[in-house]
C-alpha atoms as a PDB file:
ATOM      1  CA  UNK A   1      89.071 113.411 116.881  1.00  0.00           C
ATOM      2  CA  UNK A   2      85.504 113.674 118.104  1.00  0.00           C
ATOM      3  CA  UNK A   3      84.026 112.495 121.379  1.00  0.00           C
ATOM      4  CA  UNK A   4      84.339 108.833 120.454  1.00  0.00           C
ATOM      5  CA  UNK A   5      85.729 106.717 123.267  1.00  0.00           C
ATOM      6  CA  UNK A   6      88.957 104.764 122.548  1.00  0.00           C
ATOM      7  CA  UNK A   7      87.268 101.344 122.515  1.00  0.00           C
ATOM      8  CA  UNK A   8      84.656 102.474 119.999  1.00  0.00           C
ATOM      9  CA  UNK A   9      87.329 104.214 117.935  1.00  0.00           C
ATOM     10  CA  UNK A  10      89.306 100.972 117.759  1.00  0.00           C
ATOM     11  CA  UNK A  11      86.166  99.047 116.759  1.00  0.00           C
ATOM     12  CA  UNK A  12      85.443 101.556 114.002  1.00  0.00           C
ATOM     13  CA  UNK A  13      89.021 101.357 112.731  1.00  0.00           C
ATOM     14  CA  UNK A  14      88.802  97.559 112.688  1.00  0.00           C
ATOM     15  CA  UNK A  15      85.539  97.744 110.723  1.00  0.00           C
ATOM     16  CA  UNK A  16      87.138 100.102 108.205  1.00  0.00           C
ATOM     17  CA  UNK A  17      90.107  97.762 107.758  1.00  0.00           C
ATOM     18  CA  UNK A  18      87.775  94.796 107.267  1.00  0.00           C
ATOM     19  CA  UNK A  19      85.778  96.735 104.693  1.00  0.00           C
ATOM     20  CA  UNK A  20      88.948  97.766 102.830  1.00  0.00           C
ATOM     21  CA  UNK A  21      90.185  94.172 102.717  1.00  0.00           C
ATOM     22  CA  UNK A  22      86.759  92.944 101.549  1.00  0.00           C
ATOM     23  CA  UNK A  23      86.701  95.620  98.851  1.00  0.00           C
ATOM     24  CA  UNK A  24      90.172  94.636  97.615  1.00  0.00           C
ATOM     25  CA  UNK A  25      89.188  90.954  97.571  1.00  0.00           C
ATOM     26  CA  UNK A  26      86.170  91.847  95.436  1.00  0.00           C
ATOM     27  CA  UNK A  27      88.356  93.860  93.047  1.00  0.00           C
ATOM     28  CA  UNK A  28      91.145  91.528  91.916  1.00  0.00           C
ATOM     29  CA  UNK A  29      91.177  93.482  88.646  1.00  0.00           C
ATOM     30  CA  UNK A  30      92.891  96.284  90.564  1.00  0.00           C
ATOM     31  CA  UNK A  31      96.491  95.208  90.395  1.00  0.00           C
ATOM     32  CA  UNK A  32      98.983  95.807  93.195  1.00  0.00           C
ATOM     33  CA  UNK A  33     101.179  97.840  90.885  1.00  0.00           C
ATOM     34  CA  UNK A  34      98.204 100.136  90.194  1.00  0.00           C
ATOM     35  CA  UNK A  35      97.682 100.621  93.926  1.00  0.00           C
ATOM     36  CA  UNK A  36     101.386 101.289  94.456  1.00  0.00           C
ATOM     37  CA  UNK A  37     101.569 103.756  91.599  1.00  0.00           C
ATOM     38  CA  UNK A  38      98.510 105.665  92.777  1.00  0.00           C
ATOM     39  CA  UNK A  39      98.635 105.383  96.565  1.00  0.00           C
ATOM     40  CA  UNK A  40     102.103 104.043  97.416  1.00  0.00           C
ATOM     41  CA  UNK A  41     100.671 100.960  99.152  1.00  0.00           C
ATOM     42  CA  UNK A  42      99.183  97.657  98.040  1.00  0.00           C
ATOM     43  CA  UNK A  43      97.799  94.395  99.374  1.00  0.00           C
ATOM     44  CA  UNK A  44     101.305  93.240 100.270  1.00  0.00           C
ATOM     45  CA  UNK A  45     101.854  96.422 102.291  1.00  0.00           C
ATOM     46  CA  UNK A  46      98.613  95.794 104.175  1.00  0.00           C
ATOM     47  CA  UNK A  47      99.690  92.236 104.945  1.00  0.00           C
ATOM     48  CA  UNK A  48     103.089  93.476 106.142  1.00  0.00           C
ATOM     49  CA  UNK A  49     101.436  96.082 108.382  1.00  0.00           C
ATOM     50  CA  UNK A  50      99.134  93.387 109.760  1.00  0.00           C
ATOM     51  CA  UNK A  51     102.113  91.162 110.516  1.00  0.00           C
ATOM     52  CA  UNK A  52     103.951  94.084 112.153  1.00  0.00           C
ATOM     53  CA  UNK A  53     100.922  94.807 114.365  1.00  0.00           C
ATOM     54  CA  UNK A  54     100.718  91.143 115.380  1.00  0.00           C
ATOM     55  CA  UNK A  55     104.410  91.052 116.234  1.00  0.00           C
ATOM     56  CA  UNK A  56     104.052  94.227 118.332  1.00  0.00           C
ATOM     57  CA  UNK A  57     101.505  92.265 120.383  1.00  0.00           C
ATOM     58  CA  UNK A  58     103.869  89.296 120.669  1.00  0.00           C
ATOM     59  CA  UNK A  59     101.897  87.223 118.178  1.00  0.00           C
ATOM     60  CA  UNK A  60     104.123  85.429 115.676  1.00  0.00           C
ATOM     61  CA  UNK A  61     102.647  85.593 112.184  1.00  0.00           C
ATOM     62  CA  UNK A  62     104.391  84.481 109.029  1.00  0.00           C
ATOM     63  CA  UNK A  63     104.475  86.530 105.846  1.00  0.00           C
ATOM     64  CA  UNK A  64     102.394  83.835 104.138  1.00  0.00           C
ATOM     65  CA  UNK A  65      99.766  83.808 106.894  1.00  0.00           C
ATOM     66  CA  UNK A  66      99.396  87.591 106.860  1.00  0.00           C
ATOM     67  CA  UNK A  67      99.022  87.545 103.075  1.00  0.00           C
ATOM     68  CA  UNK A  68      96.344  84.841 103.353  1.00  0.00           C
ATOM     69  CA  UNK A  69      94.427  87.187 105.679  1.00  0.00           C
ATOM     70  CA  UNK A  70      94.545  90.104 103.242  1.00  0.00           C
ATOM     71  CA  UNK A  71      94.160  88.176  99.984  1.00  0.00           C
ATOM     72  CA  UNK A  72      91.613  85.688 101.318  1.00  0.00           C
ATOM     73  CA  UNK A  73      93.636  82.866  99.791  1.00  0.00           C
ATOM     74  CA  UNK A  74      97.290  81.872  99.434  1.00  0.00           C
ATOM     75  CA  UNK A  75      99.251  84.592  97.659  1.00  0.00           C
ATOM     76  CA  UNK A  76     100.521  82.209  94.959  1.00  0.00           C
ATOM     77  CA  UNK A  77      96.944  81.221  94.166  1.00  0.00           C
ATOM     78  CA  UNK A  78      95.860  84.869  93.948  1.00  0.00           C
ATOM     79  CA  UNK A  79      98.772  85.650  91.610  1.00  0.00           C
ATOM     80  CA  UNK A  80      97.909  82.691  89.366  1.00  0.00           C
ATOM     81  CA  UNK A  81      94.238  83.688  89.193  1.00  0.00           C
ATOM     82  CA  UNK A  82      94.431  87.465  89.059  1.00  0.00           C
ATOM     83  CA  UNK A  83      97.847  89.008  88.488  1.00  0.00           C
ATOM     84  CA  UNK A  84      98.471  90.326  85.001  1.00  0.00           C
ATOM     85  CA  UNK A  85     101.670  91.387  83.301  1.00  0.00           C
ATOM     86  CA  UNK A  86     102.506  95.010  84.078  1.00  0.00           C
ATOM     87  CA  UNK A  87     103.121  97.354  81.177  1.00  0.00           C
ATOM     88  CA  UNK A  88     106.456  99.087  80.720  1.00  0.00           C
ATOM     89  CA  UNK A  89     104.805 102.392  81.699  1.00  0.00           C
ATOM     90  CA  UNK A  90     103.480 100.941  84.952  1.00  0.00           C
ATOM     91  CA  UNK A  91     106.853  99.387  85.782  1.00  0.00           C
ATOM     92  CA  UNK A  92     108.620 102.665  85.052  1.00  0.00           C
ATOM     93  CA  UNK A  93     106.231 104.594  87.300  1.00  0.00           C
ATOM     94  CA  UNK A  94     106.647 101.977  90.029  1.00  0.00           C
ATOM     95  CA  UNK A  95     110.407 102.501  90.019  1.00  0.00           C
ATOM     96  CA  UNK A  96     109.772 106.222  90.606  1.00  0.00           C
ATOM     97  CA  UNK A  97     107.411 105.718  93.558  1.00  0.00           C
ATOM     98  CA  UNK A  98     108.719 102.442  94.998  1.00  0.00           C
ATOM     99  CA  UNK A  99     109.300 102.720  98.745  1.00  0.00           C
ATOM    100  CA  UNK A 100     112.906 102.606  99.789  1.00  0.00           C
ATOM    101  CA  UNK A 101     114.076  99.921 102.201  1.00  0.00           C
ATOM    102  CA  UNK A 102     112.533 100.480 105.621  1.00  0.00           C
ATOM    103  CA  UNK A 103     109.856 102.965 104.440  1.00  0.00           C
ATOM    104  CA  UNK A 104     107.012 100.484 104.654  1.00  0.00           C
END
């Protein structure tokens, strides 16, 4: 990397994460299956990674709480408001790219 000190680098990374989460909250039309099919990660992956990072620091965080952080609301509420039925093509593609157990 460049001559950025570690503290500043961490602050920049945090800002990028916050911007990504904000962007995803503003784009509920982008479905998780679309993200998975294109990039092999989705909002649920981000919430799992957040929870993993918390646990590495000794901070207990439930799956529901980490999803609330990423979705900006309870996951069930987000699904009710925004999740649409996936087409057969999208489901087929997802089965091709779906992470295997332990990959995420």
